[in-house]
Amino acid sequence: HWGEEKRRADPGFFCRAAVEGAVHPVWVVSDTRRLSDVEWFR
């Protein structure tokens, strides 16, 4: 529930935090679970 509230306020909040500092050419985001996450990456 807490995570849903954070996403409603800022859909990219956790996505931005996850990719921060990632430098590899291929990223496997192992636990994308919501359409808003997929939309953010796209």
PDB file of all heavy atoms in Angstrom:
ATOM      1  N   HIS A   1       0.837  -1.217   0.000  1.00  0.00           N
ATOM      2  CA  HIS A   1       0.000   0.000   0.000  1.00  0.00           C
ATOM      3  C   HIS A   1       0.864   1.257   0.000  1.00  0.00           C
ATOM      4  O   HIS A   1       0.581   2.212  -0.717  1.00  0.00           O
ATOM      5  CB  HIS A   1      -0.958   0.000   1.194  1.00  0.00           C
ATOM      6  CG  HIS A   1      -1.982  -1.082   1.138  1.00  0.00           C
ATOM      7  ND1 HIS A   1      -2.896  -1.205   0.110  1.00  0.00           N
ATOM      8  CD2 HIS A   1      -2.229  -2.120   1.975  1.00  0.00           C
ATOM      9  CE1 HIS A   1      -3.665  -2.260   0.322  1.00  0.00           C
ATOM     10  NE2 HIS A   1      -3.280  -2.838   1.440  1.00  0.00           N
ATOM     11  N   TRP A   2       1.907   1.254   0.810  1.00  0.00           N
ATOM     12  CA  TRP A   2       2.827   2.383   0.869  1.00  0.00           C
ATOM     13  C   TRP A   2       3.473   2.626  -0.495  1.00  0.00           C
ATOM     14  O   TRP A   2       3.555   3.757  -0.967  1.00  0.00           O
ATOM     15  CB  TRP A   2       3.888   2.108   1.943  1.00  0.00           C
ATOM     16  CG  TRP A   2       4.953   3.138   2.028  1.00  0.00           C
ATOM     17  CD1 TRP A   2       4.939   4.284   2.768  1.00  0.00           C
ATOM     18  CD2 TRP A   2       6.209   3.111   1.346  1.00  0.00           C
ATOM     19  NE1 TRP A   2       6.104   4.971   2.581  1.00  0.00           N
ATOM     20  CE2 TRP A   2       6.898   4.266   1.715  1.00  0.00           C
ATOM     21  CE3 TRP A   2       6.802   2.215   0.464  1.00  0.00           C
ATOM     22  CZ2 TRP A   2       8.172   4.556   1.227  1.00  0.00           C
ATOM     23  CZ3 TRP A   2       8.059   2.507  -0.015  1.00  0.00           C
ATOM     24  CH2 TRP A   2       8.728   3.665   0.365  1.00  0.00           C
ATOM     25  N   GLY A   3       3.924   1.548  -1.149  1.00  0.00           N
ATOM     26  CA  GLY A   3       4.532   1.659  -2.477  1.00  0.00           C
ATOM     27  C   GLY A   3       3.557   2.197  -3.511  1.00  0.00           C
ATOM     28  O   GLY A   3       3.934   2.980  -4.389  1.00  0.00           O
ATOM     29  N   GLU A   4       2.293   1.785  -3.417  1.00  0.00           N
ATOM     30  CA  GLU A   4       1.276   2.278  -4.352  1.00  0.00           C
ATOM     31  C   GLU A   4       1.091   3.786  -4.187  1.00  0.00           C
ATOM     32  O   GLU A   4       0.957   4.512  -5.173  1.00  0.00           O
ATOM     33  CB  GLU A   4      -0.060   1.561  -4.127  1.00  0.00           C
ATOM     34  CG  GLU A   4      -0.042   0.076  -4.414  1.00  0.00           C
ATOM     35  CD  GLU A   4       0.391  -0.287  -5.813  1.00  0.00           C
ATOM     36  OE1 GLU A   4       0.195   0.517  -6.744  1.00  0.00           O
ATOM     37  OE2 GLU A   4       0.947  -1.378  -5.991  1.00  0.00           O
ATOM     38  N   GLU A   5       1.099   4.255  -2.949  1.00  0.00           N
ATOM     39  CA  GLU A   5       0.966   5.695  -2.706  1.00  0.00           C
ATOM     40  C   GLU A   5       2.140   6.455  -3.310  1.00  0.00           C
ATOM     41  O   GLU A   5       1.964   7.508  -3.924  1.00  0.00           O
ATOM     42  CB  GLU A   5       0.861   5.984  -1.200  1.00  0.00           C
ATOM     43  CG  GLU A   5      -0.443   5.536  -0.584  1.00  0.00           C
ATOM     44  CD  GLU A   5      -1.644   6.261  -1.178  1.00  0.00           C
ATOM     45  OE1 GLU A   5      -1.568   7.494  -1.374  1.00  0.00           O
ATOM     46  OE2 GLU A   5      -2.657   5.592  -1.460  1.00  0.00           O
ATOM     47  N   LYS A   6       3.344   5.936  -3.124  1.00  0.00           N
ATOM     48  CA  LYS A   6       4.542   6.575  -3.702  1.00  0.00           C
ATOM     49  C   LYS A   6       4.424   6.629  -5.222  1.00  0.00           C
ATOM     50  O   LYS A   6       4.750   7.633  -5.845  1.00  0.00           O
ATOM     51  CB  LYS A   6       5.814   5.811  -3.317  1.00  0.00           C
ATOM     52  CG  LYS A   6       6.235   5.985  -1.893  1.00  0.00           C
ATOM     53  CD  LYS A   6       6.892   7.320  -1.704  1.00  0.00           C
ATOM     54  CE  LYS A   6       7.561   7.388  -0.352  1.00  0.00           C
ATOM     55  NZ  LYS A   6       7.909   8.755   0.011  1.00  0.00           N
ATOM     56  N   ARG A   7       3.980   5.529  -5.843  1.00  0.00           N
ATOM     57  CA  ARG A   7       3.845   5.475  -7.307  1.00  0.00           C
ATOM     58  C   ARG A   7       2.769   6.431  -7.815  1.00  0.00           C
ATOM     59  O   ARG A   7       2.919   7.007  -8.873  1.00  0.00           O
ATOM     60  CB  ARG A   7       3.529   4.055  -7.762  1.00  0.00           C
ATOM     61  CG  ARG A   7       4.731   3.175  -7.835  1.00  0.00           C
ATOM     62  CD  ARG A   7       4.354   1.819  -8.427  1.00  0.00           C
ATOM     63  NE  ARG A   7       5.532   0.999  -8.547  1.00  0.00           N
ATOM     64  CZ  ARG A   7       6.015   0.250  -7.570  1.00  0.00           C
ATOM     65  NH1 ARG A   7       5.430   0.215  -6.403  1.00  0.00           N
ATOM     66  NH2 ARG A   7       7.094  -0.470  -7.765  1.00  0.00           N
ATOM     67  N   ARG A   8       1.674   6.544  -7.064  1.00  0.00           N
ATOM     68  CA  ARG A   8       0.623   7.481  -7.482  1.00  0.00           C
ATOM     69  C   ARG A   8       1.160   8.913  -7.498  1.00  0.00           C
ATOM     70  O   ARG A   8       0.835   9.700  -8.379  1.00  0.00           O
ATOM     71  CB  ARG A   8      -0.601   7.370  -6.574  1.00  0.00           C
ATOM     72  CG  ARG A   8      -1.573   6.300  -7.038  1.00  0.00           C
ATOM     73  CD  ARG A   8      -2.910   6.398  -6.334  1.00  0.00           C
ATOM     74  NE  ARG A   8      -2.927   5.822  -5.000  1.00  0.00           N
ATOM     75  CZ  ARG A   8      -2.954   4.523  -4.735  1.00  0.00           C
ATOM     76  NH1 ARG A   8      -2.949   3.648  -5.718  1.00  0.00           N
ATOM     77  NH2 ARG A   8      -2.986   4.092  -3.504  1.00  0.00           N
ATOM     78  N   ALA A   9       1.967   9.245  -6.511  1.00  0.00           N
ATOM     79  CA  ALA A   9       2.537  10.587  -6.431  1.00  0.00           C
ATOM     80  C   ALA A   9       3.618  10.799  -7.485  1.00  0.00           C
ATOM     81  O   ALA A   9       3.768  11.895  -8.029  1.00  0.00           O
ATOM     82  CB  ALA A   9       3.110  10.828  -5.032  1.00  0.00           C
ATOM     83  N   ASP A  10       4.384   9.742  -7.796  1.00  0.00           N
ATOM     84  CA  ASP A  10       5.506   9.837  -8.735  1.00  0.00           C
ATOM     85  C   ASP A  10       5.748   8.461  -9.353  1.00  0.00           C
ATOM     86  O   ASP A  10       6.480   7.645  -8.790  1.00  0.00           O
ATOM     87  CB  ASP A  10       6.756  10.325  -8.004  1.00  0.00           C
ATOM     88  CG  ASP A  10       7.989  10.405  -8.900  1.00  0.00           C
ATOM     89  OD1 ASP A  10       7.885  10.129 -10.114  1.00  0.00           O
ATOM     90  OD2 ASP A  10       9.063  10.749  -8.377  1.00  0.00           O
ATOM     91  N   PRO A  11       5.131   8.170 -10.526  1.00  0.00           N
ATOM     92  CA  PRO A  11       5.237   6.825 -11.123  1.00  0.00           C
ATOM     93  C   PRO A  11       6.670   6.351 -11.381  1.00  0.00           C
ATOM     94  O   PRO A  11       6.919   5.146 -11.412  1.00  0.00           O
ATOM     95  CB  PRO A  11       4.471   6.959 -12.438  1.00  0.00           C
ATOM     96  CG  PRO A  11       3.541   8.097 -12.221  1.00  0.00           C
ATOM     97  CD  PRO A  11       4.259   9.049 -11.296  1.00  0.00           C
ATOM     98  N   GLY A  12       7.622   7.237 -11.541  1.00  0.00           N
ATOM     99  CA  GLY A  12       8.996   6.826 -11.817  1.00  0.00           C
ATOM    100  C   GLY A  12       9.900   6.774 -10.603  1.00  0.00           C
ATOM    101  O   GLY A  12      11.096   6.494 -10.729  1.00  0.00           O
ATOM    102  N   PHE A  13       9.363   6.989  -9.411  1.00  0.00           N
ATOM    103  CA  PHE A  13      10.172   7.076  -8.194  1.00  0.00           C
ATOM    104  C   PHE A  13      11.114   5.881  -8.025  1.00  0.00           C
ATOM    105  O   PHE A  13      12.324   6.045  -7.879  1.00  0.00           O
ATOM    106  CB  PHE A  13       9.253   7.216  -6.967  1.00  0.00           C
ATOM    107  CG  PHE A  13       9.977   7.374  -5.666  1.00  0.00           C
ATOM    108  CD1 PHE A  13      10.426   8.612  -5.262  1.00  0.00           C
ATOM    109  CD2 PHE A  13      10.201   6.280  -4.838  1.00  0.00           C
ATOM    110  CE1 PHE A  13      11.092   8.775  -4.054  1.00  0.00           C
ATOM    111  CE2 PHE A  13      10.873   6.421  -3.631  1.00  0.00           C
ATOM    112  CZ  PHE A  13      11.318   7.669  -3.238  1.00  0.00           C
ATOM    113  N   PHE A  14      10.585   4.671  -8.044  1.00  0.00           N
ATOM    114  CA  PHE A  14      11.402   3.480  -7.810  1.00  0.00           C
ATOM    115  C   PHE A  14      12.220   3.106  -9.039  1.00  0.00           C
ATOM    116  O   PHE A  14      13.322   2.573  -8.916  1.00  0.00           O
ATOM    117  CB  PHE A  14      10.527   2.312  -7.353  1.00  0.00           C
ATOM    118  CG  PHE A  14       9.807   2.602  -6.062  1.00  0.00           C
ATOM    119  CD1 PHE A  14       8.430   2.716  -6.035  1.00  0.00           C
ATOM    120  CD2 PHE A  14      10.505   2.796  -4.879  1.00  0.00           C
ATOM    121  CE1 PHE A  14       7.756   3.005  -4.855  1.00  0.00           C
ATOM    122  CE2 PHE A  14       9.850   3.091  -3.693  1.00  0.00           C
ATOM    123  CZ  PHE A  14       8.471   3.194  -3.680  1.00  0.00           C
ATOM    124  N   CYS A  15      11.708   3.397 -10.227  1.00  0.00           N
ATOM    125  CA  CYS A  15      12.456   3.118 -11.462  1.00  0.00           C
ATOM    126  C   CYS A  15      13.733   3.956 -11.512  1.00  0.00           C
ATOM    127  O   CYS A  15      14.814   3.436 -11.806  1.00  0.00           O
ATOM    128  CB  CYS A  15      11.591   3.405 -12.693  1.00  0.00           C
ATOM    129  SG  CYS A  15      10.115   2.367 -12.822  1.00  0.00           S
ATOM    130  N   ARG A  16      13.607   5.238 -11.225  1.00  0.00           N
ATOM    131  CA  ARG A  16      14.793   6.110 -11.221  1.00  0.00           C
ATOM    132  C   ARG A  16      15.818   5.644 -10.196  1.00  0.00           C
ATOM    133  O   ARG A  16      17.019   5.631 -10.464  1.00  0.00           O
ATOM    134  CB  ARG A  16      14.394   7.566 -10.954  1.00  0.00           C
ATOM    135  CG  ARG A  16      13.836   8.276 -12.163  1.00  0.00           C
ATOM    136  CD  ARG A  16      13.720   9.782 -11.935  1.00  0.00           C
ATOM    137  NE  ARG A  16      13.002  10.127 -10.719  1.00  0.00           N
ATOM    138  CZ  ARG A  16      11.672  10.155 -10.597  1.00  0.00           C
ATOM    139  NH1 ARG A  16      10.909   9.863 -11.654  1.00  0.00           N
ATOM    140  NH2 ARG A  16      11.101  10.476  -9.464  1.00  0.00           N
ATOM    141  N   ALA A  17      15.336   5.270  -9.016  1.00  0.00           N
ATOM    142  CA  ALA A  17      16.252   4.799  -7.974  1.00  0.00           C
ATOM    143  C   ALA A  17      16.964   3.522  -8.407  1.00  0.00           C
ATOM    144  O   ALA A  17      18.157   3.342  -8.125  1.00  0.00           O
ATOM    145  CB  ALA A  17      15.480   4.571  -6.669  1.00  0.00           C
ATOM    146  N   ALA A  18      16.270   2.640  -9.112  1.00  0.00           N
ATOM    147  CA  ALA A  18      16.863   1.362  -9.532  1.00  0.00           C
ATOM    148  C   ALA A  18      17.955   1.549 -10.578  1.00  0.00           C
ATOM    149  O   ALA A  18      18.956   0.832 -10.566  1.00  0.00           O
ATOM    150  CB  ALA A  18      15.782   0.422 -10.063  1.00  0.00           C
ATOM    151  N   VAL A  19      17.783   2.487 -11.498  1.00  0.00           N
ATOM    152  CA  VAL A  19      18.748   2.642 -12.590  1.00  0.00           C
ATOM    153  C   VAL A  19      19.893   3.596 -12.245  1.00  0.00           C
ATOM    154  O   VAL A  19      20.873   3.667 -12.985  1.00  0.00           O
ATOM    155  CB  VAL A  19      18.081   3.107 -13.906  1.00  0.00           C
ATOM    156  CG1 VAL A  19      16.995   2.132 -14.331  1.00  0.00           C
ATOM    157  CG2 VAL A  19      17.531   4.508 -13.808  1.00  0.00           C
ATOM    158  N   GLU A  20      19.774   4.269 -11.120  1.00  0.00           N
ATOM    159  CA  GLU A  20      20.816   5.217 -10.725  1.00  0.00           C
ATOM    160  C   GLU A  20      22.177   4.521 -10.639  1.00  0.00           C
ATOM    161  O   GLU A  20      22.347   3.544  -9.929  1.00  0.00           O
ATOM    162  CB  GLU A  20      20.461   5.814  -9.355  1.00  0.00           C
ATOM    163  CG  GLU A  20      21.361   6.939  -8.934  1.00  0.00           C
ATOM    164  CD  GLU A  20      20.868   7.561  -7.634  1.00  0.00           C
ATOM    165  OE1 GLU A  20      19.719   8.046  -7.622  1.00  0.00           O
ATOM    166  OE2 GLU A  20      21.627   7.520  -6.669  1.00  0.00           O
ATOM    167  N   GLY A  21      23.112   4.989 -11.421  1.00  0.00           N
ATOM    168  CA  GLY A  21      24.468   4.440 -11.413  1.00  0.00           C
ATOM    169  C   GLY A  21      24.669   3.203 -12.276  1.00  0.00           C
ATOM    170  O   GLY A  21      25.781   2.688 -12.362  1.00  0.00           O
ATOM    171  N   ALA A  22      23.625   2.698 -12.914  1.00  0.00           N
ATOM    172  CA  ALA A  22      23.768   1.507 -13.762  1.00  0.00           C
ATOM    173  C   ALA A  22      24.489   1.879 -15.048  1.00  0.00           C
ATOM    174  O   ALA A  22      24.098   2.821 -15.731  1.00  0.00           O
ATOM    175  CB  ALA A  22      22.403   0.906 -14.082  1.00  0.00           C
ATOM    176  N   VAL A  23      25.567   1.164 -15.368  1.00  0.00           N
ATOM    177  CA  VAL A  23      26.402   1.513 -16.528  1.00  0.00           C
ATOM    178  C   VAL A  23      26.486   0.407 -17.578  1.00  0.00           C
ATOM    179  O   VAL A  23      27.003   0.633 -18.660  1.00  0.00           O
ATOM    180  CB  VAL A  23      27.838   1.899 -16.082  1.00  0.00           C
ATOM    181  CG1 VAL A  23      27.803   3.144 -15.217  1.00  0.00           C
ATOM    182  CG2 VAL A  23      28.509   0.743 -15.341  1.00  0.00           C
ATOM    183  N   HIS A  24      25.993  -0.787 -17.277  1.00  0.00           N
ATOM    184  CA  HIS A  24      26.070  -1.903 -18.221  1.00  0.00           C
ATOM    185  C   HIS A  24      25.160  -1.645 -19.418  1.00  0.00           C
ATOM    186  O   HIS A  24      24.125  -1.004 -19.285  1.00  0.00           O
ATOM    187  CB  HIS A  24      25.664  -3.200 -17.534  1.00  0.00           C
ATOM    188  CG  HIS A  24      26.596  -3.605 -16.442  1.00  0.00           C
ATOM    189  ND1 HIS A  24      26.561  -3.040 -15.188  1.00  0.00           N
ATOM    190  CD2 HIS A  24      27.594  -4.511 -16.427  1.00  0.00           C
ATOM    191  CE1 HIS A  24      27.502  -3.593 -14.439  1.00  0.00           C
ATOM    192  NE2 HIS A  24      28.146  -4.480 -15.164  1.00  0.00           N
ATOM    193  N   PRO A  25      25.506  -2.190 -20.584  1.00  0.00           N
ATOM    194  CA  PRO A  25      24.644  -1.984 -21.751  1.00  0.00           C
ATOM    195  C   PRO A  25      23.317  -2.744 -21.686  1.00  0.00           C
ATOM    196  O   PRO A  25      22.351  -2.342 -22.319  1.00  0.00           O
ATOM    197  CB  PRO A  25      25.490  -2.470 -22.930  1.00  0.00           C
ATOM    198  CG  PRO A  25      26.548  -3.321 -22.342  1.00  0.00           C
ATOM    199  CD  PRO A  25      26.767  -2.856 -20.937  1.00  0.00           C
ATOM    200  N   VAL A  26      23.249  -3.824 -20.896  1.00  0.00           N
ATOM    201  CA  VAL A  26      22.010  -4.594 -20.765  1.00  0.00           C
ATOM    202  C   VAL A  26      21.614  -4.614 -19.297  1.00  0.00           C
ATOM    203  O   VAL A  26      22.407  -4.964 -18.429  1.00  0.00           O
ATOM    204  CB  VAL A  26      22.179  -6.047 -21.278  1.00  0.00           C
ATOM    205  CG1 VAL A  26      20.903  -6.854 -21.048  1.00  0.00           C
ATOM    206  CG2 VAL A  26      22.572  -6.072 -22.747  1.00  0.00           C
ATOM    207  N   TRP A  27      20.368  -4.217 -19.062  1.00  0.00           N
ATOM    208  CA  TRP A  27      19.808  -4.265 -17.711  1.00  0.00           C
ATOM    209  C   TRP A  27      18.656  -5.248 -17.719  1.00  0.00           C
ATOM    210  O   TRP A  27      17.770  -5.172 -18.565  1.00  0.00           O
ATOM    211  CB  TRP A  27      19.245  -2.920 -17.281  1.00  0.00           C
ATOM    212  CG  TRP A  27      20.185  -1.764 -17.323  1.00  0.00           C
ATOM    213  CD1 TRP A  27      21.547  -1.782 -17.369  1.00  0.00           C
ATOM    214  CD2 TRP A  27      19.816  -0.386 -17.326  1.00  0.00           C
ATOM    215  NE1 TRP A  27      22.033  -0.504 -17.390  1.00  0.00           N
ATOM    216  CE2 TRP A  27      21.007   0.375 -17.370  1.00  0.00           C
ATOM    217  CE3 TRP A  27      18.598   0.286 -17.297  1.00  0.00           C
ATOM    218  CZ2 TRP A  27      20.999   1.759 -17.380  1.00  0.00           C
ATOM    219  CZ3 TRP A  27      18.601   1.658 -17.302  1.00  0.00           C
ATOM    220  CH2 TRP A  27      19.785   2.390 -17.332  1.00  0.00           C
ATOM    221  N   VAL A  28      18.644  -6.140 -16.759  1.00  0.00           N
ATOM    222  CA  VAL A  28      17.495  -7.008 -16.542  1.00  0.00           C
ATOM    223  C   VAL A  28      16.807  -6.463 -15.296  1.00  0.00           C
ATOM    224  O   VAL A  28      17.372  -6.499 -14.204  1.00  0.00           O
ATOM    225  CB  VAL A  28      17.908  -8.480 -16.324  1.00  0.00           C
ATOM    226  CG1 VAL A  28      16.692  -9.326 -15.952  1.00  0.00           C
ATOM    227  CG2 VAL A  28      18.608  -9.030 -17.547  1.00  0.00           C
ATOM    228  N   VAL A  29      15.626  -5.910 -15.479  1.00  0.00           N
ATOM    229  CA  VAL A  29      14.849  -5.431 -14.335  1.00  0.00           C
ATOM    230  C   VAL A  29      13.988  -6.609 -13.919  1.00  0.00           C
ATOM    231  O   VAL A  29      12.997  -6.935 -14.572  1.00  0.00           O
ATOM    232  CB  VAL A  29      14.005  -4.188 -14.694  1.00  0.00           C
ATOM    233  CG1 VAL A  29      13.293  -3.661 -13.448  1.00  0.00           C
ATOM    234  CG2 VAL A  29      14.886  -3.102 -15.310  1.00  0.00           C
ATOM    235  N   SER A  30      14.411  -7.264 -12.854  1.00  0.00           N
ATOM    236  CA  SER A  30      13.874  -8.588 -12.526  1.00  0.00           C
ATOM    237  C   SER A  30      12.496  -8.579 -11.891  1.00  0.00           C
ATOM    238  O   SER A  30      11.862  -9.624 -11.823  1.00  0.00           O
ATOM    239  CB  SER A  30      14.847  -9.309 -11.592  1.00  0.00           C
ATOM    240  OG  SER A  30      14.925  -8.617 -10.349  1.00  0.00           O
ATOM    241  N   ASP A  31      12.037  -7.433 -11.432  1.00  0.00           N
ATOM    242  CA  ASP A  31      10.776  -7.447 -10.690  1.00  0.00           C
ATOM    243  C   ASP A  31       9.832  -6.313 -11.082  1.00  0.00           C
ATOM    244  O   ASP A  31       9.164  -5.740 -10.232  1.00  0.00           O
ATOM    245  CB  ASP A  31      11.050  -7.432  -9.189  1.00  0.00           C
ATOM    246  CG  ASP A  31      11.882  -6.230  -8.753  1.00  0.00           C
ATOM    247  OD1 ASP A  31      12.357  -5.474  -9.618  1.00  0.00           O
ATOM    248  OD2 ASP A  31      12.049  -6.040  -7.538  1.00  0.00           O
ATOM    249  N   THR A  32       9.748  -6.044 -12.363  1.00  0.00           N
ATOM    250  CA  THR A  32       8.769  -5.073 -12.849  1.00  0.00           C
ATOM    251  C   THR A  32       7.402  -5.721 -12.723  1.00  0.00           C
ATOM    252  O   THR A  32       7.182  -6.809 -13.231  1.00  0.00           O
ATOM    253  CB  THR A  32       9.053  -4.719 -14.327  1.00  0.00           C
ATOM    254  OG1 THR A  32      10.388  -4.260 -14.422  1.00  0.00           O
ATOM    255  CG2 THR A  32       8.112  -3.656 -14.825  1.00  0.00           C
ATOM    256  N   ARG A  33       6.474  -5.038 -12.038  1.00  0.00           N
ATOM    257  CA  ARG A  33       5.184  -5.663 -11.741  1.00  0.00           C
ATOM    258  C   ARG A  33       3.983  -4.826 -12.131  1.00  0.00           C
ATOM    259  O   ARG A  33       2.856  -5.278 -12.010  1.00  0.00           O
ATOM    260  CB  ARG A  33       5.094  -5.968 -10.247  1.00  0.00           C
ATOM    261  CG  ARG A  33       6.121  -6.984  -9.827  1.00  0.00           C
ATOM    262  CD  ARG A  33       6.087  -7.160  -8.348  1.00  0.00           C
ATOM    263  NE  ARG A  33       7.063  -8.157  -7.955  1.00  0.00           N
ATOM    264  CZ  ARG A  33       6.857  -9.054  -7.027  1.00  0.00           C
ATOM    265  NH1 ARG A  33       5.714  -9.094  -6.404  1.00  0.00           N
ATOM    266  NH2 ARG A  33       7.782  -9.913  -6.725  1.00  0.00           N
ATOM    267  N   ARG A  34       4.213  -3.601 -12.553  1.00  0.00           N
ATOM    268  CA  ARG A  34       3.089  -2.711 -12.836  1.00  0.00           C
ATOM    269  C   ARG A  34       3.230  -2.093 -14.213  1.00  0.00           C
ATOM    270  O   ARG A  34       4.335  -1.839 -14.678  1.00  0.00           O
ATOM    271  CB  ARG A  34       3.024  -1.603 -11.792  1.00  0.00           C
ATOM    272  CG  ARG A  34       2.614  -2.109 -10.438  1.00  0.00           C
ATOM    273  CD  ARG A  34       2.933  -1.098  -9.361  1.00  0.00           C
ATOM    274  NE  ARG A  34       2.634  -1.640  -8.054  1.00  0.00           N
ATOM    275  CZ  ARG A  34       3.445  -2.444  -7.382  1.00  0.00           C
ATOM    276  NH1 ARG A  34       4.601  -2.794  -7.888  1.00  0.00           N
ATOM    277  NH2 ARG A  34       3.098  -2.900  -6.194  1.00  0.00           N
ATOM    278  N   LEU A  35       2.093  -1.801 -14.821  1.00  0.00           N
ATOM    279  CA  LEU A  35       2.089  -1.160 -16.125  1.00  0.00           C
ATOM    280  C   LEU A  35       2.824   0.175 -16.072  1.00  0.00           C
ATOM    281  O   LEU A  35       3.558   0.518 -16.999  1.00  0.00           O
ATOM    282  CB  LEU A  35       0.650  -0.962 -16.608  1.00  0.00           C
ATOM    283  CG  LEU A  35       0.474  -0.367 -17.994  1.00  0.00           C
ATOM    284  CD1 LEU A  35       1.197  -1.192 -19.056  1.00  0.00           C
ATOM    285  CD2 LEU A  35      -1.004  -0.236 -18.333  1.00  0.00           C
ATOM    286  N   SER A  36       2.692   0.909 -14.984  1.00  0.00           N
ATOM    287  CA  SER A  36       3.378   2.204 -14.871  1.00  0.00           C
ATOM    288  C   SER A  36       4.894   2.043 -14.930  1.00  0.00           C
ATOM    289  O   SER A  36       5.597   2.912 -15.456  1.00  0.00           O
ATOM    290  CB  SER A  36       2.971   2.938 -13.591  1.00  0.00           C
ATOM    291  OG  SER A  36       3.335   2.203 -12.442  1.00  0.00           O
ATOM    292  N   ASP A  37       5.420   0.925 -14.415  1.00  0.00           N
ATOM    293  CA  ASP A  37       6.867   0.667 -14.495  1.00  0.00           C
ATOM    294  C   ASP A  37       7.291   0.448 -15.946  1.00  0.00           C
ATOM    295  O   ASP A  37       8.273   1.019 -16.417  1.00  0.00           O
ATOM    296  CB  ASP A  37       7.255  -0.569 -13.668  1.00  0.00           C
ATOM    297  CG  ASP A  37       6.987  -0.420 -12.188  1.00  0.00           C
ATOM    298  OD1 ASP A  37       6.981   0.728 -11.672  1.00  0.00           O
ATOM    299  OD2 ASP A  37       6.780  -1.464 -11.527  1.00  0.00           O
ATOM    300  N   VAL A  38       6.549  -0.395 -16.643  1.00  0.00           N
ATOM    301  CA  VAL A  38       6.851  -0.671 -18.050  1.00  0.00           C
ATOM    302  C   VAL A  38       6.765   0.616 -18.863  1.00  0.00           C
ATOM    303  O   VAL A  38       7.640   0.910 -19.683  1.00  0.00           O
ATOM    304  CB  VAL A  38       5.916  -1.759 -18.633  1.00  0.00           C
ATOM    305  CG1 VAL A  38       6.122  -1.917 -20.135  1.00  0.00           C
ATOM    306  CG2 VAL A  38       6.129  -3.082 -17.919  1.00  0.00           C
ATOM    307  N   GLU A  39       5.708   1.388 -18.633  1.00  0.00           N
ATOM    308  CA  GLU A  39       5.530   2.648 -19.355  1.00  0.00           C
ATOM    309  C   GLU A  39       6.681   3.613 -19.086  1.00  0.00           C
ATOM    310  O   GLU A  39       7.153   4.288 -19.987  1.00  0.00           O
ATOM    311  CB  GLU A  39       4.190   3.287 -18.987  1.00  0.00           C
ATOM    312  CG  GLU A  39       3.011   2.525 -19.561  1.00  0.00           C
ATOM    313  CD  GLU A  39       1.667   3.017 -19.032  1.00  0.00           C
ATOM    314  OE1 GLU A  39       1.622   3.695 -17.971  1.00  0.00           O
ATOM    315  OE2 GLU A  39       0.650   2.706 -19.685  1.00  0.00           O
ATOM    316  N   TRP A  40       7.145   3.672 -17.836  1.00  0.00           N
ATOM    317  CA  TRP A  40       8.254   4.563 -17.498  1.00  0.00           C
ATOM    318  C   TRP A  40       9.502   4.181 -18.291  1.00  0.00           C
ATOM    319  O   TRP A  40      10.139   5.037 -18.899  1.00  0.00           O
ATOM    320  CB  TRP A  40       8.545   4.538 -15.989  1.00  0.00           C
ATOM    321  CG  TRP A  40       9.600   5.532 -15.605  1.00  0.00           C
ATOM    322  CD1 TRP A  40       9.397   6.846 -15.285  1.00  0.00           C
ATOM    323  CD2 TRP A  40      11.014   5.315 -15.540  1.00  0.00           C
ATOM    324  NE1 TRP A  40      10.606   7.446 -15.016  1.00  0.00           N
ATOM    325  CE2 TRP A  40      11.611   6.536 -15.171  1.00  0.00           C
ATOM    326  CE3 TRP A  40      11.833   4.210 -15.757  1.00  0.00           C
ATOM    327  CZ2 TRP A  40      12.982   6.681 -15.003  1.00  0.00           C
ATOM    328  CZ3 TRP A  40      13.207   4.361 -15.594  1.00  0.00           C
ATOM    329  CH2 TRP A  40      13.771   5.575 -15.227  1.00  0.00           C
ATOM    330  N   PHE A  41       9.858   2.895 -18.291  1.00  0.00           N
ATOM    331  CA  PHE A  41      11.050   2.459 -19.025  1.00  0.00           C
ATOM    332  C   PHE A  41      10.900   2.724 -20.518  1.00  0.00           C
ATOM    333  O   PHE A  41      11.840   3.179 -21.168  1.00  0.00           O
ATOM    334  CB  PHE A  41      11.361   0.982 -18.755  1.00  0.00           C
ATOM    335  CG  PHE A  41      12.095   0.777 -17.459  1.00  0.00           C
ATOM    336  CD1 PHE A  41      11.408   0.411 -16.313  1.00  0.00           C
ATOM    337  CD2 PHE A  41      13.457   0.980 -17.380  1.00  0.00           C
ATOM    338  CE1 PHE A  41      12.083   0.242 -15.118  1.00  0.00           C
ATOM    339  CE2 PHE A  41      14.144   0.814 -16.186  1.00  0.00           C
ATOM    340  CZ  PHE A  41      13.449   0.447 -15.045  1.00  0.00           C
ATOM    341  N   ARG A  42       9.731   2.456 -21.076  1.00  0.00           N
ATOM    342  CA  ARG A  42       9.515   2.707 -22.505  1.00  0.00           C
ATOM    343  C   ARG A  42       9.572   4.201 -22.820  1.00  0.00           C
ATOM    344  O   ARG A  42      10.132   4.602 -23.840  1.00  0.00           O
ATOM    345  CB  ARG A  42       8.195   2.105 -22.971  1.00  0.00           C
ATOM    346  CG  ARG A  42       8.283   0.596 -23.092  1.00  0.00           C
ATOM    347  CD  ARG A  42       7.026   0.015 -23.676  1.00  0.00           C
ATOM    348  NE  ARG A  42       7.205  -1.399 -23.971  1.00  0.00           N
ATOM    349  CZ  ARG A  42       6.225  -2.272 -24.019  1.00  0.00           C
ATOM    350  NH1 ARG A  42       4.986  -1.893 -23.802  1.00  0.00           N
ATOM    351  NH2 ARG A  42       6.479  -3.531 -24.289  1.00  0.00           N
TER     352      ARG A  42
END
